[in-house]
């Protein structure tokens, strides 16, 4: 049975705020959470990617930059060359280039957006603060490429790492936990990195979100199966990192149900920008 994973990512993981990997399995319409695993460095993340031979995962970071941004900056257009160019920059260089780009654009249109951002309600992948998804792309995507992972619509991965029918063994899908969370609790906040803002109201939102997920009350038509200890761990995490990893795992499960080669992504996907799994045209926030 294919391993399901969900990844809540940090571009600067450490013991205080590690990358969280949720591991699980899909059987019919039930997604069972098996374990939550913290990774305290980017090296540990890179090693994890090649440790497991067969998985479908949802990763909470963007896989591509906006097409308009890439063209305006004159950067390479093919995705793989674009990522290689981007990976060769420092974070300071990324910040300076993107800040300069925004400074030259009109108020209300500072950032360039991908098509998928419109439907998912996600932050533009060029945003370097609050949240710094540009740095997450910079840290995460090159490691997926190095691991030989297949990213449908963008990158075939290592063609030697396929089963007898030619299907890639490790599939990475761009996920966005906020998309699934908003379906259940609207714009209510369920997490905060600031301990002082980890309020009873946010805890209640996490409980309501888990109630809905376990009952299958989302358009994904999947039910989350947890132990009581796991549920308490998810509710007690005021940062919401563990819950976000589980939300990404559920989005990956939806993609797994739809299977090779598109995993539920609309076709064709923009081969430079990519697409967030479960974000359907017409679902715009």
C-alpha atoms as a PDB file:
ATOM      1  CA  UNK A   1       0.000   0.000   0.000  1.00  0.00           C
ATOM      2  CA  UNK A   2       1.353   3.418  -1.010  1.00  0.00           C
ATOM      3  CA  UNK A   3       2.640   5.543   1.843  1.00  0.00           C
ATOM      4  CA  UNK A   4       0.871   8.896   2.151  1.00  0.00           C
ATOM      5  CA  UNK A   5       2.754  11.866   3.485  1.00  0.00           C
ATOM      6  CA  UNK A   6       1.971  15.456   4.336  1.00  0.00           C
ATOM      7  CA  UNK A   7       4.730  17.983   4.918  1.00  0.00           C
ATOM      8  CA  UNK A   8       4.508  21.212   6.887  1.00  0.00           C
ATOM      9  CA  UNK A   9       7.688  22.898   5.711  1.00  0.00           C
ATOM     10  CA  UNK A  10      10.083  25.444   7.187  1.00  0.00           C
ATOM     11  CA  UNK A  11      12.859  27.067   5.179  1.00  0.00           C
ATOM     12  CA  UNK A  12      14.932  27.326   8.384  1.00  0.00           C
ATOM     13  CA  UNK A  13      13.987  24.287  10.448  1.00  0.00           C
ATOM     14  CA  UNK A  14      15.397  23.747  13.913  1.00  0.00           C
ATOM     15  CA  UNK A  15      14.415  22.029  17.147  1.00  0.00           C
ATOM     16  CA  UNK A  16      11.979  24.818  18.047  1.00  0.00           C
ATOM     17  CA  UNK A  17      10.219  24.792  14.664  1.00  0.00           C
ATOM     18  CA  UNK A  18      11.017  21.620  12.743  1.00  0.00           C
ATOM     19  CA  UNK A  19       9.640  20.411   9.452  1.00  0.00           C
ATOM     20  CA  UNK A  20       6.743  18.070  10.297  1.00  0.00           C
ATOM     21  CA  UNK A  21       6.059  14.945   8.258  1.00  0.00           C
ATOM     22  CA  UNK A  22       2.678  13.237   8.678  1.00  0.00           C
ATOM     23  CA  UNK A  23       2.694   9.597   7.590  1.00  0.00           C
ATOM     24  CA  UNK A  24      -0.466   7.680   6.772  1.00  0.00           C
ATOM     25  CA  UNK A  25      -2.349   5.322   4.493  1.00  0.00           C
ATOM     26  CA  UNK A  26      -5.488   5.492   2.378  1.00  0.00           C
ATOM     27  CA  UNK A  27      -8.022   2.666   2.342  1.00  0.00           C
ATOM     28  CA  UNK A  28     -11.229   3.370   0.419  1.00  0.00           C
ATOM     29  CA  UNK A  29     -12.277   6.785   1.792  1.00  0.00           C
ATOM     30  CA  UNK A  30     -10.406   6.583   5.118  1.00  0.00           C
ATOM     31  CA  UNK A  31      -7.019   8.221   5.698  1.00  0.00           C
ATOM     32  CA  UNK A  32      -5.305   6.789   8.765  1.00  0.00           C
ATOM     33  CA  UNK A  33      -2.613   8.855  10.451  1.00  0.00           C
ATOM     34  CA  UNK A  34       0.235   6.552  11.419  1.00  0.00           C
ATOM     35  CA  UNK A  35       2.866   8.921  12.780  1.00  0.00           C
ATOM     36  CA  UNK A  36       4.145  12.480  12.971  1.00  0.00           C
ATOM     37  CA  UNK A  37       7.875  12.923  12.445  1.00  0.00           C
ATOM     38  CA  UNK A  38       9.844  16.129  13.105  1.00  0.00           C
ATOM     39  CA  UNK A  39      12.880  16.949  10.953  1.00  0.00           C
ATOM     40  CA  UNK A  40      15.181  19.555  12.472  1.00  0.00           C
ATOM     41  CA  UNK A  41      17.312  20.449   9.435  1.00  0.00           C
ATOM     42  CA  UNK A  42      17.143  20.721   5.663  1.00  0.00           C
ATOM     43  CA  UNK A  43      19.708  17.933   5.449  1.00  0.00           C
ATOM     44  CA  UNK A  44      17.373  15.692   7.445  1.00  0.00           C
ATOM     45  CA  UNK A  45      14.576  16.596   5.021  1.00  0.00           C
ATOM     46  CA  UNK A  46      16.763  15.707   2.023  1.00  0.00           C
ATOM     47  CA  UNK A  47      17.671  12.370   3.588  1.00  0.00           C
ATOM     48  CA  UNK A  48      14.021  11.624   4.373  1.00  0.00           C
ATOM     49  CA  UNK A  49      13.016  12.157   0.741  1.00  0.00           C
ATOM     50  CA  UNK A  50      15.208   9.289  -0.457  1.00  0.00           C
ATOM     51  CA  UNK A  51      14.722   7.052   2.595  1.00  0.00           C
ATOM     52  CA  UNK A  52      11.221   5.904   1.640  1.00  0.00           C
ATOM     53  CA  UNK A  53      11.003   4.153  -1.752  1.00  0.00           C
ATOM     54  CA  UNK A  54       7.304   4.575  -2.563  1.00  0.00           C
ATOM     55  CA  UNK A  55       5.054   7.489  -1.573  1.00  0.00           C
ATOM     56  CA  UNK A  56       2.641  10.209  -2.620  1.00  0.00           C
ATOM     57  CA  UNK A  57       3.081  13.415  -0.649  1.00  0.00           C
ATOM     58  CA  UNK A  58       1.590  16.871  -0.261  1.00  0.00           C
ATOM     59  CA  UNK A  59       4.159  19.594   0.452  1.00  0.00           C
ATOM     60  CA  UNK A  60       3.227  22.976   1.866  1.00  0.00           C
ATOM     61  CA  UNK A  61       5.452  25.173  -0.287  1.00  0.00           C
ATOM     62  CA  UNK A  62       5.141  26.517  -3.828  1.00  0.00           C
ATOM     63  CA  UNK A  63       6.683  24.550  -6.674  1.00  0.00           C
ATOM     64  CA  UNK A  64       6.927  27.426  -9.158  1.00  0.00           C
ATOM     65  CA  UNK A  65       7.175  31.178  -9.639  1.00  0.00           C
ATOM     66  CA  UNK A  66       4.582  33.362 -11.426  1.00  0.00           C
ATOM     67  CA  UNK A  67       4.986  33.319 -15.188  1.00  0.00           C
ATOM     68  CA  UNK A  68       4.631  37.117 -15.358  1.00  0.00           C
ATOM     69  CA  UNK A  69       7.469  37.578 -12.856  1.00  0.00           C
ATOM     70  CA  UNK A  70       9.791  35.194 -14.681  1.00  0.00           C
ATOM     71  CA  UNK A  71       9.167  36.875 -18.033  1.00  0.00           C
ATOM     72  CA  UNK A  72       9.466  40.417 -16.629  1.00  0.00           C
ATOM     73  CA  UNK A  73      12.812  39.574 -15.025  1.00  0.00           C
ATOM     74  CA  UNK A  74      14.087  37.796 -18.134  1.00  0.00           C
ATOM     75  CA  UNK A  75      14.776  34.586 -16.200  1.00  0.00           C
ATOM     76  CA  UNK A  76      14.870  31.174 -17.925  1.00  0.00           C
ATOM     77  CA  UNK A  77      11.422  29.966 -18.958  1.00  0.00           C
ATOM     78  CA  UNK A  78      11.678  26.156 -18.859  1.00  0.00           C
ATOM     79  CA  UNK A  79      10.844  25.147 -15.276  1.00  0.00           C
ATOM     80  CA  UNK A  80      13.969  23.121 -14.566  1.00  0.00           C
ATOM     81  CA  UNK A  81      16.278  25.867 -15.836  1.00  0.00           C
ATOM     82  CA  UNK A  82      14.249  28.447 -13.924  1.00  0.00           C
ATOM     83  CA  UNK A  83      14.616  26.526 -10.659  1.00  0.00           C
ATOM     84  CA  UNK A  84      18.355  26.059 -11.257  1.00  0.00           C
ATOM     85  CA  UNK A  85      18.708  29.824 -11.757  1.00  0.00           C
ATOM     86  CA  UNK A  86      16.654  30.542  -8.648  1.00  0.00           C
ATOM     87  CA  UNK A  87      18.542  28.006  -6.518  1.00  0.00           C
ATOM     88  CA  UNK A  88      21.799  29.730  -7.476  1.00  0.00           C
ATOM     89  CA  UNK A  89      20.703  32.958  -5.797  1.00  0.00           C
ATOM     90  CA  UNK A  90      21.093  33.814  -2.118  1.00  0.00           C
ATOM     91  CA  UNK A  91      18.084  34.733  -0.024  1.00  0.00           C
ATOM     92  CA  UNK A  92      19.374  38.302   0.180  1.00  0.00           C
ATOM     93  CA  UNK A  93      19.528  38.471  -3.612  1.00  0.00           C
ATOM     94  CA  UNK A  94      16.012  37.079  -3.896  1.00  0.00           C
ATOM     95  CA  UNK A  95      14.710  39.665  -1.441  1.00  0.00           C
ATOM     96  CA  UNK A  96      16.404  42.545  -3.227  1.00  0.00           C
ATOM     97  CA  UNK A  97      15.231  41.482  -6.698  1.00  0.00           C
ATOM     98  CA  UNK A  98      11.657  40.886  -5.591  1.00  0.00           C
ATOM     99  CA  UNK A  99      11.507  44.072  -3.518  1.00  0.00           C
ATOM    100  CA  UNK A 100      12.747  46.047  -6.516  1.00  0.00           C
ATOM    101  CA  UNK A 101      10.173  44.390  -8.737  1.00  0.00           C
ATOM    102  CA  UNK A 102       7.351  45.257  -6.341  1.00  0.00           C
ATOM    103  CA  UNK A 103       8.574  48.862  -5.980  1.00  0.00           C
ATOM    104  CA  UNK A 104       8.071  49.411  -9.696  1.00  0.00           C
ATOM    105  CA  UNK A 105       4.470  48.178  -9.755  1.00  0.00           C
ATOM    106  CA  UNK A 106       1.245  50.023  -8.889  1.00  0.00           C
ATOM    107  CA  UNK A 107      -0.405  49.957  -5.470  1.00  0.00           C
ATOM    108  CA  UNK A 108      -2.743  46.988  -5.251  1.00  0.00           C
ATOM    109  CA  UNK A 109      -0.716  45.017  -7.767  1.00  0.00           C
ATOM    110  CA  UNK A 110       2.730  44.844  -6.217  1.00  0.00           C
ATOM    111  CA  UNK A 111       3.069  41.071  -6.405  1.00  0.00           C
ATOM    112  CA  UNK A 112       2.783  38.835  -9.440  1.00  0.00           C
ATOM    113  CA  UNK A 113       0.522  35.808  -8.893  1.00  0.00           C
ATOM    114  CA  UNK A 114       0.273  32.333 -10.338  1.00  0.00           C
ATOM    115  CA  UNK A 115      -3.023  31.146 -11.786  1.00  0.00           C
ATOM    116  CA  UNK A 116      -3.397  28.589  -8.994  1.00  0.00           C
ATOM    117  CA  UNK A 117      -3.142  31.300  -6.317  1.00  0.00           C
ATOM    118  CA  UNK A 118      -6.400  32.789  -7.568  1.00  0.00           C
ATOM    119  CA  UNK A 119      -8.314  29.557  -7.025  1.00  0.00           C
ATOM    120  CA  UNK A 120      -6.556  28.430  -3.842  1.00  0.00           C
ATOM    121  CA  UNK A 121      -6.390  31.814  -2.118  1.00  0.00           C
ATOM    122  CA  UNK A 122      -2.692  31.207  -1.464  1.00  0.00           C
ATOM    123  CA  UNK A 123       0.090  33.748  -0.996  1.00  0.00           C
ATOM    124  CA  UNK A 124       2.046  34.664  -4.144  1.00  0.00           C
ATOM    125  CA  UNK A 125       5.069  32.408  -4.441  1.00  0.00           C
ATOM    126  CA  UNK A 126       7.362  35.452  -4.767  1.00  0.00           C
ATOM    127  CA  UNK A 127       6.425  36.691  -1.269  1.00  0.00           C
ATOM    128  CA  UNK A 128       9.472  36.776   1.002  1.00  0.00           C
ATOM    129  CA  UNK A 129       7.759  37.746   4.305  1.00  0.00           C
ATOM    130  CA  UNK A 130       4.613  36.769   6.194  1.00  0.00           C
ATOM    131  CA  UNK A 131       4.822  34.001   5.056  1.00  0.00           C
ATOM    132  CA  UNK A 132       8.237  33.693   3.366  1.00  0.00           C
ATOM    133  CA  UNK A 133       7.055  31.256   0.710  1.00  0.00           C
ATOM    134  CA  UNK A 134       9.718  32.469  -1.755  1.00  0.00           C
ATOM    135  CA  UNK A 135      12.383  31.152   0.621  1.00  0.00           C
ATOM    136  CA  UNK A 136      10.419  27.930   1.128  1.00  0.00           C
ATOM    137  CA  UNK A 137      10.418  27.344  -2.633  1.00  0.00           C
ATOM    138  CA  UNK A 138      14.144  28.136  -2.677  1.00  0.00           C
ATOM    139  CA  UNK A 139      14.869  25.603   0.080  1.00  0.00           C
ATOM    140  CA  UNK A 140      12.372  22.876  -0.818  1.00  0.00           C
ATOM    141  CA  UNK A 141      12.054  22.436  -4.573  1.00  0.00           C
ATOM    142  CA  UNK A 142      15.766  21.903  -5.385  1.00  0.00           C
ATOM    143  CA  UNK A 143      15.832  19.119  -2.781  1.00  0.00           C
ATOM    144  CA  UNK A 144      12.847  17.434  -4.402  1.00  0.00           C
ATOM    145  CA  UNK A 145      14.671  17.585  -7.742  1.00  0.00           C
ATOM    146  CA  UNK A 146      17.886  16.206  -6.219  1.00  0.00           C
ATOM    147  CA  UNK A 147      15.897  13.319  -4.722  1.00  0.00           C
ATOM    148  CA  UNK A 148      14.603  12.355  -8.180  1.00  0.00           C
ATOM    149  CA  UNK A 149      10.990  12.938  -7.195  1.00  0.00           C
ATOM    150  CA  UNK A 150       8.241  13.260  -9.826  1.00  0.00           C
ATOM    151  CA  UNK A 151       6.218  16.499  -9.690  1.00  0.00           C
ATOM    152  CA  UNK A 152       3.254  16.032 -12.049  1.00  0.00           C
ATOM    153  CA  UNK A 153       2.923  18.747 -14.652  1.00  0.00           C
ATOM    154  CA  UNK A 154       6.410  20.082 -13.919  1.00  0.00           C
ATOM    155  CA  UNK A 155       9.081  17.411 -13.687  1.00  0.00           C
ATOM    156  CA  UNK A 156       9.200  13.717 -14.559  1.00  0.00           C
ATOM    157  CA  UNK A 157      11.735  12.940 -11.855  1.00  0.00           C
ATOM    158  CA  UNK A 158      14.218  10.094 -12.032  1.00  0.00           C
ATOM    159  CA  UNK A 159      12.944   7.838 -14.825  1.00  0.00           C
ATOM    160  CA  UNK A 160      14.836   4.888 -13.341  1.00  0.00           C
ATOM    161  CA  UNK A 161      12.730   5.162 -10.176  1.00  0.00           C
ATOM    162  CA  UNK A 162       9.527   3.733 -11.684  1.00  0.00           C
ATOM    163  CA  UNK A 163       7.569   0.535 -11.357  1.00  0.00           C
ATOM    164  CA  UNK A 164       7.136  -2.061 -14.092  1.00  0.00           C
ATOM    165  CA  UNK A 165       4.244  -0.113 -15.653  1.00  0.00           C
ATOM    166  CA  UNK A 166       6.262   3.109 -15.808  1.00  0.00           C
ATOM    167  CA  UNK A 167       4.584   4.886 -12.882  1.00  0.00           C
ATOM    168  CA  UNK A 168       6.881   6.998 -10.699  1.00  0.00           C
ATOM    169  CA  UNK A 169       7.345   5.576  -7.208  1.00  0.00           C
ATOM    170  CA  UNK A 170       7.645   8.923  -5.422  1.00  0.00           C
ATOM    171  CA  UNK A 171       5.147  11.674  -6.253  1.00  0.00           C
ATOM    172  CA  UNK A 172       5.306  15.195  -4.820  1.00  0.00           C
ATOM    173  CA  UNK A 173       2.224  17.426  -5.048  1.00  0.00           C
ATOM    174  CA  UNK A 174       2.089  21.068  -4.041  1.00  0.00           C
ATOM    175  CA  UNK A 175      -0.382  21.342  -1.156  1.00  0.00           C
ATOM    176  CA  UNK A 176      -1.884  24.257   0.751  1.00  0.00           C
ATOM    177  CA  UNK A 177      -3.525  23.418   4.091  1.00  0.00           C
ATOM    178  CA  UNK A 178      -5.321  26.762   4.310  1.00  0.00           C
ATOM    179  CA  UNK A 179      -7.454  25.790   1.323  1.00  0.00           C
ATOM    180  CA  UNK A 180      -8.944  22.787   3.127  1.00  0.00           C
ATOM    181  CA  UNK A 181      -9.122  24.554   6.496  1.00  0.00           C
ATOM    182  CA  UNK A 182     -11.116  27.478   5.065  1.00  0.00           C
ATOM    183  CA  UNK A 183     -13.683  25.091   3.645  1.00  0.00           C
ATOM    184  CA  UNK A 184     -14.501  23.991   7.202  1.00  0.00           C
ATOM    185  CA  UNK A 185     -13.928  27.008   9.469  1.00  0.00           C
ATOM    186  CA  UNK A 186     -13.924  29.916   7.021  1.00  0.00           C
ATOM    187  CA  UNK A 187     -11.490  32.676   7.883  1.00  0.00           C
ATOM    188  CA  UNK A 188     -11.303  31.753  11.575  1.00  0.00           C
ATOM    189  CA  UNK A 189      -7.689  31.464  12.717  1.00  0.00           C
ATOM    190  CA  UNK A 190      -6.636  28.106  14.113  1.00  0.00           C
ATOM    191  CA  UNK A 191      -2.909  28.673  14.760  1.00  0.00           C
ATOM    192  CA  UNK A 192      -0.195  31.181  15.628  1.00  0.00           C
ATOM    193  CA  UNK A 193       3.581  31.026  15.991  1.00  0.00           C
ATOM    194  CA  UNK A 194       3.240  33.662  18.729  1.00  0.00           C
ATOM    195  CA  UNK A 195       2.565  31.823  21.991  1.00  0.00           C
ATOM    196  CA  UNK A 196       0.666  34.803  23.394  1.00  0.00           C
ATOM    197  CA  UNK A 197      -1.834  34.458  20.516  1.00  0.00           C
ATOM    198  CA  UNK A 198      -2.406  30.742  20.978  1.00  0.00           C
ATOM    199  CA  UNK A 199      -5.822  31.406  22.447  1.00  0.00           C
ATOM    200  CA  UNK A 200      -8.721  29.157  23.517  1.00  0.00           C
ATOM    201  CA  UNK A 201     -10.580  30.412  20.433  1.00  0.00           C
ATOM    202  CA  UNK A 202      -7.841  29.099  18.126  1.00  0.00           C
ATOM    203  CA  UNK A 203      -7.794  25.817  20.032  1.00  0.00           C
ATOM    204  CA  UNK A 204     -11.536  25.579  19.510  1.00  0.00           C
ATOM    205  CA  UNK A 205     -11.033  26.145  15.791  1.00  0.00           C
ATOM    206  CA  UNK A 206      -8.544  23.255  15.654  1.00  0.00           C
ATOM    207  CA  UNK A 207     -11.053  21.039  17.445  1.00  0.00           C
ATOM    208  CA  UNK A 208     -13.844  22.024  15.042  1.00  0.00           C
ATOM    209  CA  UNK A 209     -11.584  21.408  12.064  1.00  0.00           C
ATOM    210  CA  UNK A 210     -10.618  17.947  13.314  1.00  0.00           C
ATOM    211  CA  UNK A 211     -14.271  17.097  14.034  1.00  0.00           C
ATOM    212  CA  UNK A 212     -15.131  17.838  10.402  1.00  0.00           C
ATOM    213  CA  UNK A 213     -12.142  15.964   9.010  1.00  0.00           C
ATOM    214  CA  UNK A 214     -12.868  12.865  11.074  1.00  0.00           C
ATOM    215  CA  UNK A 215     -16.527  12.947  10.002  1.00  0.00           C
ATOM    216  CA  UNK A 216     -15.621  13.426   6.333  1.00  0.00           C
ATOM    217  CA  UNK A 217     -17.458  16.749   6.093  1.00  0.00           C
ATOM    218  CA  UNK A 218     -15.398  18.261   3.259  1.00  0.00           C
ATOM    219  CA  UNK A 219     -15.662  18.131  -0.522  1.00  0.00           C
ATOM    220  CA  UNK A 220     -12.680  15.749  -0.545  1.00  0.00           C
ATOM    221  CA  UNK A 221     -15.047  13.028   0.735  1.00  0.00           C
ATOM    222  CA  UNK A 222     -12.287  11.572   2.901  1.00  0.00           C
ATOM    223  CA  UNK A 223     -12.462  10.635   6.575  1.00  0.00           C
ATOM    224  CA  UNK A 224      -9.470  11.088   8.848  1.00  0.00           C
ATOM    225  CA  UNK A 225      -8.810   8.312  11.361  1.00  0.00           C
ATOM    226  CA  UNK A 226      -6.922   9.254  14.547  1.00  0.00           C
ATOM    227  CA  UNK A 227      -6.182   7.800  17.940  1.00  0.00           C
ATOM    228  CA  UNK A 228      -7.181   9.870  20.942  1.00  0.00           C
ATOM    229  CA  UNK A 229      -3.503  10.535  21.668  1.00  0.00           C
ATOM    230  CA  UNK A 230      -2.965  11.796  18.111  1.00  0.00           C
ATOM    231  CA  UNK A 231      -6.002  14.034  18.293  1.00  0.00           C
ATOM    232  CA  UNK A 232      -4.761  15.568  21.541  1.00  0.00           C
ATOM    233  CA  UNK A 233      -1.316  16.129  20.009  1.00  0.00           C
ATOM    234  CA  UNK A 234      -2.880  17.978  17.070  1.00  0.00           C
ATOM    235  CA  UNK A 235      -5.148  20.078  19.273  1.00  0.00           C
ATOM    236  CA  UNK A 236      -2.362  20.931  21.721  1.00  0.00           C
ATOM    237  CA  UNK A 237      -0.030  22.227  18.978  1.00  0.00           C
ATOM    238  CA  UNK A 238      -0.802  25.940  19.051  1.00  0.00           C
ATOM    239  CA  UNK A 239       1.464  26.586  16.066  1.00  0.00           C
ATOM    240  CA  UNK A 240      -0.741  24.317  13.981  1.00  0.00           C
ATOM    241  CA  UNK A 241       2.265  22.735  12.255  1.00  0.00           C
ATOM    242  CA  UNK A 242       1.175  19.165  12.993  1.00  0.00           C
ATOM    243  CA  UNK A 243      -2.374  19.852  11.887  1.00  0.00           C
ATOM    244  CA  UNK A 244      -1.102  21.509   8.696  1.00  0.00           C
ATOM    245  CA  UNK A 245       0.953  18.394   7.918  1.00  0.00           C
ATOM    246  CA  UNK A 246      -2.193  16.276   8.318  1.00  0.00           C
ATOM    247  CA  UNK A 247      -4.180  18.618   6.060  1.00  0.00           C
ATOM    248  CA  UNK A 248      -1.467  18.248   3.403  1.00  0.00           C
ATOM    249  CA  UNK A 249      -1.652  14.462   3.810  1.00  0.00           C
ATOM    250  CA  UNK A 250      -5.406  14.557   3.144  1.00  0.00           C
ATOM    251  CA  UNK A 251      -4.862  16.632   0.015  1.00  0.00           C
ATOM    252  CA  UNK A 252      -2.273  14.103  -1.141  1.00  0.00           C
ATOM    253  CA  UNK A 253      -4.806  11.312  -0.499  1.00  0.00           C
ATOM    254  CA  UNK A 254      -7.315  13.057  -2.765  1.00  0.00           C
ATOM    255  CA  UNK A 255      -4.651  13.186  -5.460  1.00  0.00           C
ATOM    256  CA  UNK A 256      -3.756   9.532  -4.914  1.00  0.00           C
ATOM    257  CA  UNK A 257      -7.389   8.528  -5.459  1.00  0.00           C
ATOM    258  CA  UNK A 258      -7.281  10.179  -8.893  1.00  0.00           C
ATOM    259  CA  UNK A 259      -3.967   8.580  -9.694  1.00  0.00           C
ATOM    260  CA  UNK A 260      -1.345   8.632 -12.373  1.00  0.00           C
ATOM    261  CA  UNK A 261      -0.465  10.709 -14.293  1.00  0.00           C
ATOM    262  CA  UNK A 262      -2.239  13.936 -13.197  1.00  0.00           C
ATOM    263  CA  UNK A 263      -3.253  13.114  -9.583  1.00  0.00           C
ATOM    264  CA  UNK A 264      -6.275  15.367  -9.861  1.00  0.00           C
ATOM    265  CA  UNK A 265      -4.420  18.402 -11.195  1.00  0.00           C
ATOM    266  CA  UNK A 266      -6.194  20.194 -14.059  1.00  0.00           C
ATOM    267  CA  UNK A 267      -4.708  19.491 -17.449  1.00  0.00           C
ATOM    268  CA  UNK A 268      -2.769  21.060 -18.811  1.00  0.00           C
ATOM    269  CA  UNK A 269      -0.982  22.593 -15.822  1.00  0.00           C
ATOM    270  CA  UNK A 270       1.113  25.656 -16.585  1.00  0.00           C
ATOM    271  CA  UNK A 271       4.535  23.963 -16.899  1.00  0.00           C
ATOM    272  CA  UNK A 272       6.307  26.911 -15.307  1.00  0.00           C
ATOM    273  CA  UNK A 273       3.943  27.777 -12.432  1.00  0.00           C
ATOM    274  CA  UNK A 274       2.557  24.421 -11.317  1.00  0.00           C
ATOM    275  CA  UNK A 275      -0.723  23.887  -9.457  1.00  0.00           C
ATOM    276  CA  UNK A 276      -1.958  23.271  -5.893  1.00  0.00           C
ATOM    277  CA  UNK A 277      -3.607  19.869  -5.487  1.00  0.00           C
ATOM    278  CA  UNK A 278      -7.392  20.061  -4.760  1.00  0.00           C
ATOM    279  CA  UNK A 279      -7.556  23.682  -6.024  1.00  0.00           C
ATOM    280  CA  UNK A 280     -10.190  23.456  -8.745  1.00  0.00           C
ATOM    281  CA  UNK A 281     -10.952  26.203 -11.248  1.00  0.00           C
ATOM    282  CA  UNK A 282     -14.113  27.850  -9.976  1.00  0.00           C
ATOM    283  CA  UNK A 283     -13.213  27.417  -6.290  1.00  0.00           C
ATOM    284  CA  UNK A 284     -11.630  30.846  -5.899  1.00  0.00           C
ATOM    285  CA  UNK A 285     -11.640  32.294  -2.387  1.00  0.00           C
END
